[in-house]
Protein backbone atom coordinates (compact mmCIF):
# COMPACT_ATOMS: atom_id res chain seq x y z
CA MET A 1 0.54 -0.11 0.25
CA PRO A 2 1.42 3.44 -1.19
CA ILE A 3 2.83 5.64 2.26
CA THR A 4 0.66 8.47 1.27
CA THR A 5 -2.62 6.75 1.01
CA THR A 6 -2.46 5.63 4.68
CA ARG A 7 -0.72 8.80 5.47
CA ARG A 8 -3.70 11.11 4.26
CA ARG A 9 -6.42 8.82 6.11
CA LEU A 10 -4.16 9.52 9.04
CA LEU A 11 -4.31 12.89 8.51
CA ALA A 12 -8.02 12.88 8.32
CA GLY A 13 -8.08 12.11 12.34
CA SER A 14 -4.89 14.40 12.65
CA VAL A 15 -4.09 16.98 15.65
CA ALA A 16 -2.54 20.10 15.28
CA THR A 17 0.92 20.22 16.40
CA LEU A 18 1.70 21.47 19.94
CA ALA A 19 4.14 22.83 22.07
CA LEU A 20 5.32 21.51 24.83
CA PRO A 21 6.61 24.46 27.72
CA ALA A 22 8.16 21.63 29.46
CA PHE A 23 10.61 20.98 27.44
CA ALA A 24 13.35 23.56 27.97
CA ARG A 25 12.93 23.12 31.13
CA ALA A 26 12.62 19.18 31.40
CA GLN A 27 16.54 19.24 31.23
CA GLY A 28 17.62 18.43 34.76
CA ALA A 29 14.71 17.46 36.16
CA ALA A 30 15.69 13.26 35.25
CA LYS A 31 18.33 11.52 33.81
CA PRO A 32 18.11 12.60 30.11
CA ARG A 33 16.92 9.09 27.58
CA LEU A 34 16.34 8.98 24.04
CA THR A 35 14.25 7.01 21.96
CA ALA A 36 15.62 6.87 18.05
CA ILE A 37 14.26 6.12 15.10
CA SER A 38 16.36 5.94 11.57
CA GLN A 39 17.82 3.97 8.78
CA TRP A 40 21.27 4.40 9.73
CA SER A 41 22.50 0.45 11.00
CA ALA A 42 25.46 -0.11 8.71
CA GLY A 43 28.68 1.63 7.14
CA SER A 44 29.39 5.36 7.74
CA ASP A 45 26.05 5.94 8.78
CA GLY A 46 26.05 3.27 11.28
CA ALA A 47 29.18 4.55 12.77
CA ALA A 48 27.81 8.10 12.98
CA ILE A 49 25.15 7.71 14.76
CA THR A 50 26.97 5.31 17.12
CA ALA A 51 29.51 7.95 17.61
CA LEU A 52 26.30 10.35 18.76
CA GLY A 53 24.95 7.91 20.26
CA LYS A 54 28.60 7.92 22.56
CA LYS A 55 28.46 11.69 22.70
CA PHE A 56 24.86 11.29 24.18
CA GLU A 57 25.87 8.94 26.77
CA GLU A 58 28.85 10.59 27.99
CA LYS A 59 26.41 13.34 28.54
CA GLY A 60 24.97 11.37 30.81
CA GLY A 61 22.33 9.68 28.79
CA VAL A 62 20.67 6.67 28.22
CA TRP A 63 20.73 5.66 24.07
CA GLN A 64 18.17 3.44 22.84
CA HIS A 65 18.46 3.53 19.13
CA SER A 66 16.50 1.11 17.03
CA PRO A 67 17.72 1.56 13.48
CA VAL A 68 14.98 -0.01 10.83
CA PRO A 69 17.61 -1.06 8.11
CA GLY A 70 17.26 -0.13 4.29
CA PHE A 71 15.24 2.20 2.64
CA THR A 72 13.06 5.41 4.07
CA THR A 73 9.30 4.00 3.63
CA GLU A 74 10.68 1.14 5.75
CA MET A 75 11.79 3.31 8.64
CA MET A 76 8.74 5.50 8.00
CA ASN A 77 6.29 2.33 8.03
CA LYS A 78 7.95 1.89 11.67
CA LEU A 79 7.05 5.19 12.74
CA ARG A 80 4.01 5.69 11.54
CA ALA A 81 3.30 1.99 13.32
CA GLN A 82 4.83 3.46 16.79
CA ILE A 83 2.34 6.28 16.35
CA MET A 84 -0.41 4.74 15.51
CA ALA A 85 -0.07 3.02 18.31
CA GLY A 86 0.05 6.06 20.72
CA ASP A 87 3.57 4.84 21.10
CA PRO A 88 6.12 7.51 19.14
CA PRO A 89 9.88 7.67 19.30
CA ALA A 90 10.89 11.00 21.30
CA CYS A 91 12.95 11.76 18.23
CA SER A 92 13.16 9.45 14.76
CA GLN A 93 15.32 10.43 11.18
CA LEU A 94 12.76 12.70 9.10
CA LYS A 95 13.23 15.28 6.40
CA GLY A 96 12.47 18.05 3.69
CA PRO A 97 8.07 17.89 2.91
CA GLU A 98 7.72 15.04 5.03
CA ILE A 99 8.71 17.18 8.61
CA ALA A 100 5.25 19.17 7.87
CA ALA A 101 2.85 16.14 6.47
CA TRP A 102 3.98 14.16 9.19
CA SER A 103 3.96 16.61 11.89
CA LYS A 104 0.30 16.96 11.10
CA ILE A 105 -0.27 12.99 12.36
CA ALA A 106 0.91 13.76 16.04
CA PRO A 107 1.70 16.67 18.22
CA THR A 108 5.41 17.14 17.81
CA VAL A 109 7.86 19.12 20.33
CA ASP A 110 8.51 23.25 19.95
CA LEU A 111 12.36 23.80 19.57
CA ASP A 112 11.73 27.21 19.55
CA ALA A 113 13.67 27.70 23.43
CA VAL A 114 16.65 25.81 22.70
CA VAL A 115 17.41 26.76 19.19
CA ALA A 116 17.23 30.50 20.07
CA ALA A 117 19.88 29.32 23.28
CA ALA A 118 21.79 27.71 20.55
CA GLY A 119 21.90 30.52 18.41
CA TYR A 120 21.04 28.24 15.77
CA GLU A 121 19.08 30.09 13.38
CA LYS A 122 21.34 31.98 11.93
CA VAL A 123 23.97 29.62 10.91
CA VAL A 124 20.83 27.45 8.63
CA ALA A 125 20.83 28.58 5.33
CA PRO A 126 17.19 30.08 5.14
CA ASP A 127 15.34 27.95 2.76
CA LEU A 128 16.39 24.95 4.97
CA ALA A 129 15.08 26.69 8.29
CA LYS A 130 11.47 27.11 6.49
CA LEU A 131 10.97 23.17 5.80
CA HIS A 132 12.09 22.36 9.55
CA LYS A 133 9.87 24.94 11.27
CA PRO A 134 6.59 24.45 8.82
CA ALA A 135 4.60 26.01 10.98
CA GLY A 136 7.05 28.91 12.16
CA LYS A 137 7.81 26.52 14.31
CA TRP A 138 11.31 24.51 15.16
CA ILE A 139 10.02 21.43 15.14
CA ALA A 140 13.34 19.59 13.43
CA LEU A 141 16.88 20.13 13.76
CA PRO A 142 19.00 18.78 10.60
CA LEU A 143 21.82 18.21 11.01
CA GLN A 144 24.11 16.95 8.04
CA ILE A 145 23.94 18.08 4.38
CA TYR A 146 25.04 16.15 1.58
CA SER A 147 24.44 17.52 -2.33
CA THR A 148 23.23 14.52 -4.77
CA ASN A 149 25.02 15.20 -7.55
CA MET A 150 28.65 15.12 -7.09
CA LEU A 151 30.88 13.57 -9.79
CA PHE A 152 33.02 10.69 -8.25
CA LEU A 153 36.08 10.16 -10.98
CA SER A 154 38.18 6.91 -10.52
CA LYS A 155 41.88 8.33 -11.35
CA ARG A 156 42.90 4.74 -12.28
CA ALA A 157 40.09 5.15 -14.99
CA MET A 158 41.33 8.84 -15.97
CA ASP A 159 44.93 7.36 -16.51
CA LYS A 160 43.07 4.92 -18.49
CA ALA A 161 40.86 7.51 -20.78
CA LYS A 162 44.80 9.92 -21.15
CA ALA A 163 42.28 12.64 -19.20
CA ASP A 164 43.31 14.84 -16.77
CA LYS A 165 40.42 17.75 -17.30
CA VAL A 166 37.35 17.60 -15.18
CA PRO A 167 33.68 17.66 -16.59
CA VAL A 168 32.19 20.69 -16.00
CA THR A 169 29.19 20.92 -18.61
CA TRP A 170 27.48 17.44 -19.91
CA ALA A 171 28.61 17.56 -23.05
CA ASP A 172 32.12 17.18 -21.07
CA PHE A 173 30.90 14.44 -19.29
CA ASN A 174 29.66 12.39 -22.51
CA ASP A 175 33.09 13.32 -23.65
CA LEU A 176 35.13 11.88 -21.13
CA ALA A 177 32.66 8.84 -21.21
CA GLU A 178 33.35 7.83 -24.70
CA LYS A 179 37.37 8.58 -24.21
CA MET A 180 36.87 6.24 -21.38
CA LYS A 181 35.51 3.55 -23.32
CA SER A 182 37.78 3.42 -26.23
CA GLY A 183 40.78 3.94 -23.02
CA GLY A 184 39.46 -0.05 -22.23
CA VAL A 185 36.90 1.36 -19.20
CA ASN A 186 34.34 -1.16 -19.23
CA HIS A 187 32.04 0.48 -18.16
CA PRO A 188 32.63 4.21 -17.81
CA ILE A 189 29.51 4.86 -15.37
CA ALA A 190 29.79 2.96 -12.15
CA ASN A 191 26.20 3.64 -10.28
CA GLY A 192 23.78 1.73 -9.61
CA GLY A 193 20.30 0.28 -10.37
CA THR A 194 18.20 1.12 -6.96
CA ARG A 195 15.26 3.66 -6.92
CA PRO A 196 17.06 6.37 -5.76
CA ASP A 197 19.55 5.69 -7.50
CA ASP A 198 17.55 6.18 -10.94
CA GLY A 199 16.60 9.24 -9.71
CA GLN A 200 19.45 10.74 -8.53
CA LYS A 201 20.68 10.32 -12.40
CA PHE A 202 17.54 12.12 -13.61
CA GLU A 203 17.69 14.73 -11.54
CA ALA A 204 21.43 15.48 -11.68
CA ALA A 205 20.49 15.09 -15.76
CA LEU A 206 17.29 18.22 -15.46
CA ALA A 207 19.51 20.05 -12.99
CA GLY A 208 22.26 20.30 -14.85
CA ILE A 209 20.71 21.10 -17.79
CA SER A 210 18.62 24.01 -16.19
CA PRO A 211 17.98 24.97 -12.78
CA ALA A 212 15.33 27.34 -13.50
CA ALA A 213 13.36 24.42 -15.44
CA TYR A 214 13.94 21.60 -12.39
CA ARG A 215 12.76 24.38 -9.87
CA ALA A 216 9.83 24.41 -12.36
CA ALA A 217 8.76 20.98 -12.81
CA ILE A 218 10.17 19.39 -9.63
CA MET A 219 9.69 21.47 -7.13
CA ASN A 220 6.83 23.51 -8.18
CA LEU A 221 4.82 20.94 -10.25
CA ASP A 222 4.18 23.45 -13.31
CA GLU A 223 2.49 21.51 -15.89
CA LYS A 224 4.08 23.22 -18.96
CA ALA A 225 7.78 22.61 -17.69
CA LEU A 226 7.22 19.20 -17.13
CA LYS A 227 6.11 19.03 -20.78
CA GLY A 228 9.58 21.23 -21.45
CA PRO A 229 11.79 20.40 -23.43
CA GLU A 230 14.35 20.45 -20.63
CA ILE A 231 12.47 17.28 -19.18
CA LYS A 232 13.08 15.14 -22.92
CA ALA A 233 16.57 16.30 -23.13
CA ALA A 234 17.16 15.02 -19.47
CA PHE A 235 15.53 12.49 -20.07
CA ALA A 236 17.73 11.58 -23.44
CA GLN A 237 21.17 12.44 -20.84
CA VAL A 238 20.26 9.50 -17.92
CA ARG A 239 19.72 7.16 -21.68
CA LYS A 240 23.25 7.50 -21.98
CA ILE A 241 24.29 7.03 -18.28
CA ALA A 242 22.42 4.06 -17.84
CA ASP A 243 23.88 2.57 -21.47
CA TRP A 244 27.25 3.24 -20.42
CA MET A 245 26.44 1.21 -16.79
CA ASP A 246 26.61 -2.80 -15.96
CA PRO A 247 23.89 -4.16 -17.57
CA ASN A 248 24.06 -6.44 -14.32
CA VAL A 249 23.98 -3.71 -12.31
CA GLY A 250 20.20 -4.33 -11.92
CA ALA A 251 19.13 -3.16 -8.71
CA GLN A 252 22.00 -3.23 -6.88
CA HIS A 253 23.49 -0.18 -4.87
CA PHE A 254 25.91 1.56 -5.55
CA SER A 255 28.76 0.56 -3.22
CA THR A 256 28.58 -2.95 -5.25
CA ASN A 257 30.49 -1.18 -7.59
CA LEU A 258 33.39 0.47 -5.62
CA LYS A 259 36.87 -2.09 -5.97
CA ARG A 260 35.36 -2.20 -9.36
CA PHE A 261 35.35 1.90 -9.45
CA VAL A 262 39.02 1.75 -8.12
CA ASP A 263 40.02 -0.23 -10.08
CA GLY A 264 39.41 1.48 -13.22
CA ASP A 265 36.94 -0.91 -14.26
CA MET A 266 33.94 1.41 -14.07
CA GLY A 267 35.27 5.15 -14.58
CA MET A 268 32.76 7.80 -13.21
CA MET A 269 29.68 8.01 -10.16
CA ILE A 270 27.10 10.73 -10.14
CA MET A 271 26.31 10.28 -5.92
CA GLY A 272 26.06 11.99 -3.09
CA GLY A 273 28.82 13.07 -1.09
CA TRP A 274 28.31 10.21 1.29
CA ALA A 275 29.89 7.76 -1.23
CA GLN A 276 33.56 9.28 0.21
CA GLY A 277 32.18 7.80 3.67
CA VAL A 278 31.74 4.40 2.17
CA LEU A 279 34.27 4.68 0.42
CA ARG A 280 36.55 5.63 2.94
CA ASN A 281 34.78 2.80 5.12
CA ALA A 282 35.61 0.09 2.87
CA GLY A 283 39.36 1.40 3.13
CA PHE A 284 40.01 2.83 0.11
CA LYS A 285 42.19 6.44 0.12
CA PHE A 286 41.81 9.62 -1.12
CA GLU A 287 44.00 9.28 -3.44
CA ASP A 288 41.89 6.64 -5.84
CA PHE A 289 39.22 9.18 -6.63
CA VAL A 290 38.55 12.95 -7.22
CA ILE A 291 35.83 14.54 -6.31
CA ALA A 292 33.84 17.67 -8.03
CA PRO A 293 30.32 19.28 -8.69
CA GLY A 294 27.70 17.32 -11.07
CA PRO A 295 27.25 18.72 -14.47
CA SER A 296 26.03 22.17 -15.37
CA ASP A 297 25.52 22.91 -18.63
CA ASN A 298 26.45 26.86 -17.69
CA SER A 299 29.39 26.05 -15.86
CA LYS A 300 28.60 27.35 -12.59
CA PRO A 301 27.50 24.66 -9.77
CA VAL A 302 24.16 22.95 -9.24
CA PHE A 303 23.46 21.49 -5.97
CA LEU A 304 21.09 18.93 -5.82
CA LEU A 305 20.27 19.36 -1.39
CA ASN A 306 19.64 16.87 0.91
CA ALA A 307 19.80 17.35 4.42
CA ASP A 308 18.91 14.67 7.08
CA ALA A 309 17.42 15.81 10.06
CA PHE A 310 15.78 14.36 13.57
CA ILE A 311 11.74 15.67 14.05
CA PHE A 312 10.77 15.56 17.61
CA TRP A 313 7.20 13.58 18.81
CA GLN A 314 5.77 15.03 22.19
CA ARG A 315 6.33 12.30 24.46
CA LYS A 316 4.81 13.01 28.57
CA GLU A 317 8.18 11.43 30.23
CA PRO A 318 10.07 13.71 32.66
CA ASP A 319 13.60 11.30 31.46
CA LEU A 320 12.12 11.60 27.50
CA GLN A 321 12.15 15.12 27.82
CA ALA A 322 15.15 15.43 29.41
CA GLY A 323 16.79 13.70 26.44
CA GLN A 324 15.11 15.39 23.82
CA THR A 325 16.69 18.55 25.28
CA LEU A 326 19.96 17.09 25.33
CA MET A 327 19.99 15.62 21.38
CA ALA A 328 18.59 19.28 20.48
CA GLN A 329 21.95 20.54 21.65
CA LEU A 330 23.71 17.98 20.91
CA VAL A 331 22.29 17.75 17.35
CA MET A 332 23.08 21.65 16.70
CA ASP A 333 26.86 21.71 18.68
CA PRO A 334 29.41 22.33 15.76
CA ALA A 335 31.60 19.75 17.28
CA ILE A 336 28.86 17.45 17.10
CA GLN A 337 28.24 18.26 13.11
CA THR A 338 32.32 18.43 12.45
CA MET A 339 32.50 14.56 13.78
CA TYR A 340 29.20 13.30 12.28
CA SER A 341 30.10 14.97 8.62
CA GLN A 342 33.52 13.77 8.83
CA ILE A 343 32.79 10.28 9.58
CA THR A 344 29.34 10.38 6.48
CA GLY A 345 31.92 12.48 3.77
CA SER A 346 28.73 14.94 4.48
CA ILE A 347 28.73 18.98 5.06
CA PRO A 348 27.73 20.13 8.35
CA VAL A 349 24.42 22.29 8.12
CA ARG A 350 25.73 24.93 10.44
CA THR A 351 27.33 27.53 7.94
CA ASP A 352 30.56 28.58 10.50
CA VAL A 353 32.04 25.40 10.81
CA ASP A 354 35.71 25.98 9.25
CA LEU A 355 36.76 22.87 6.15
CA SER A 356 39.83 23.87 6.24
CA GLY A 357 41.90 22.20 9.07
CA GLU A 358 42.73 18.02 9.21
CA GLY A 359 39.79 15.25 9.17
CA TRP A 360 38.18 17.41 6.36
CA SER A 361 38.76 15.37 2.13
CA GLU A 362 39.54 17.86 -0.93
CA GLY A 363 35.80 16.86 -1.76
CA GLN A 364 33.72 18.20 1.31
CA ARG A 365 35.34 21.69 0.58
CA THR A 366 34.90 21.30 -2.68
CA THR A 367 31.22 20.84 -1.44
CA ALA A 368 31.13 23.31 0.45
CA LYS A 369 32.59 26.10 -1.63
CA ALA A 370 29.79 24.82 -4.66
CA LEU A 371 27.32 24.86 -2.37
CA LYS A 372 28.30 28.84 -1.39
CA ASP A 373 28.24 29.50 -5.07
CA ALA A 374 25.25 27.30 -5.97
CA ILE A 375 23.06 29.71 -3.65
CA ALA A 376 24.97 32.83 -4.65
CA SER A 377 23.61 31.89 -8.59
CA ASN A 378 20.09 30.75 -7.35
CA GLN A 379 21.42 27.41 -8.44
CA ALA A 380 20.85 25.29 -5.37
CA VAL A 381 17.57 23.12 -5.72
CA LEU A 382 15.85 20.49 -3.25
CA SER A 383 16.37 16.72 -4.32
CA MET A 384 13.43 14.78 -5.50
CA ALA A 385 15.35 11.49 -5.11
CA HIS A 386 15.66 11.42 -1.66
CA ASN A 387 12.72 13.20 -0.89
CA MET A 388 13.49 16.88 -0.21
CA ALA A 389 11.49 18.14 -3.23
CA GLN A 390 7.96 16.58 -2.54
CA GLU A 391 6.39 14.24 -0.25
CA ASN A 392 6.94 10.48 -0.38
CA GLY A 393 3.79 10.13 -2.26
CA MET A 394 4.57 12.13 -5.22
CA THR A 395 8.22 11.52 -5.79
CA ALA A 396 7.74 7.34 -5.84
CA ALA A 397 5.19 8.02 -8.33
CA MET A 398 8.05 10.17 -10.38
CA ILE A 399 10.53 7.73 -9.63
CA ASP A 400 8.26 4.95 -10.88
CA VAL A 401 8.27 6.22 -14.28
CA ILE A 402 12.09 7.13 -14.35
CA THR A 403 13.37 3.57 -13.32
CA GLU A 404 11.17 2.16 -15.51
CA TYR A 405 12.96 4.23 -18.40
CA VAL A 406 16.17 3.16 -17.18
CA LYS A 407 15.36 -0.42 -17.15
CA ASN A 408 13.46 -0.37 -20.39
CA LYS A 409 15.58 0.71 -23.13
CA SER A 410 12.41 0.80 -26.03
CA ILE A 411 10.37 3.44 -23.83
CA LYS A 412 12.07 6.92 -25.82
CA PRO A 413 12.81 10.42 -24.33
CA GLU A 414 9.55 11.80 -25.43
CA GLN A 415 7.24 8.89 -24.10
CA ALA A 416 8.80 9.20 -20.36
CA ALA A 417 8.04 13.12 -20.92
CA THR A 418 4.35 12.42 -21.20
CA ARG A 419 4.67 9.52 -18.36
CA LEU A 420 6.12 11.88 -16.31
CA ALA A 421 3.52 14.36 -16.61
CA GLU A 422 0.92 11.96 -16.66
CA ALA A 423 1.69 10.58 -13.52
CA VAL A 424 2.34 14.11 -11.28
CA GLU A 425 -1.30 14.87 -12.17
CA GLY A 426 -2.05 11.27 -11.13
CA ALA A 427 -0.59 12.23 -7.42
CA ARG A 428 -1.73 14.76 -7.19
């Protein structure tokens, strides 16, 4: 059953977001305890949240994290079940427009007091802050940022292609892919075949062709833009990407290709910064790959923003309220955001964290600069593939079309564009 169908049913009988006046006073009245749900269980994501839990315990708290491995939808299923049972976690992973939608299902915690005490709003990008205070009150806190369209290049594959320039536009990208193929790289593209991965290929293609068309079609669901020439051009670019991939990838995760990518059997990967954390966690070295902004036809960086966050659910128990206060303080702490991003490969939400020192990679510094430049040129847009641009139901409808297109070569770009517009209308 689609998740939105159930959520809509829930919304019909939902309660409004409620403040919790005792929240800011709770710490100190009881030993902090936190019940939390996320999908982060293994790899760099698992290591990062485990490290966060240890920091929570060092502050005297009791950390009770229940990871739900797999995709976000599976984590949401558990969250929905607990809310329906009247036992929501003290906080849970949630992001983008889902924060506003789910906040209508059960009362959330008013975090304004702790956010003001930390001065957090001053160091968060305004558009990102809006997503976390949907009714004007902070109810969720962003922790880390990724760009989903970073370009990872295999050093060995570049050597095979006798190439030393990082592609800037899609034409550059396509030219390098052909050079890699001619140079003996069996599969110039190392992406996987999961649904979010397919969504990333499309959003990277469209945003790189025209950030304005992406904003109109994908973020604003403008009917004319959805039928525009940029959509067809994006599908045509996605076909090229798919043709350069290993046809046996199927629905596999991108991480299954990492050794072949580092060995130079595969050449490029369009992926979020989390791939750096996965590569490093697998034992590969920074010298094995290069990270650069994804292709952009106007040569200015395009940043497809994906931000992980925690939403806080109202609980009456004093120890859980104290745990929520402690968790909120930790999430906003620059030292914690530094620790977290250095494990996962993301960049901190806080714009005042200095990335020039040890522990940061050139890829992370490049990503941070790309975000700054993209904001300056109005080319920072929200990721569709990772539920930042639309709610999960609309995202699922669009990715259904995209992933079928990636897997079925008989579908023409024009047909895919028509199907995408129809899918959006059906999901409105």
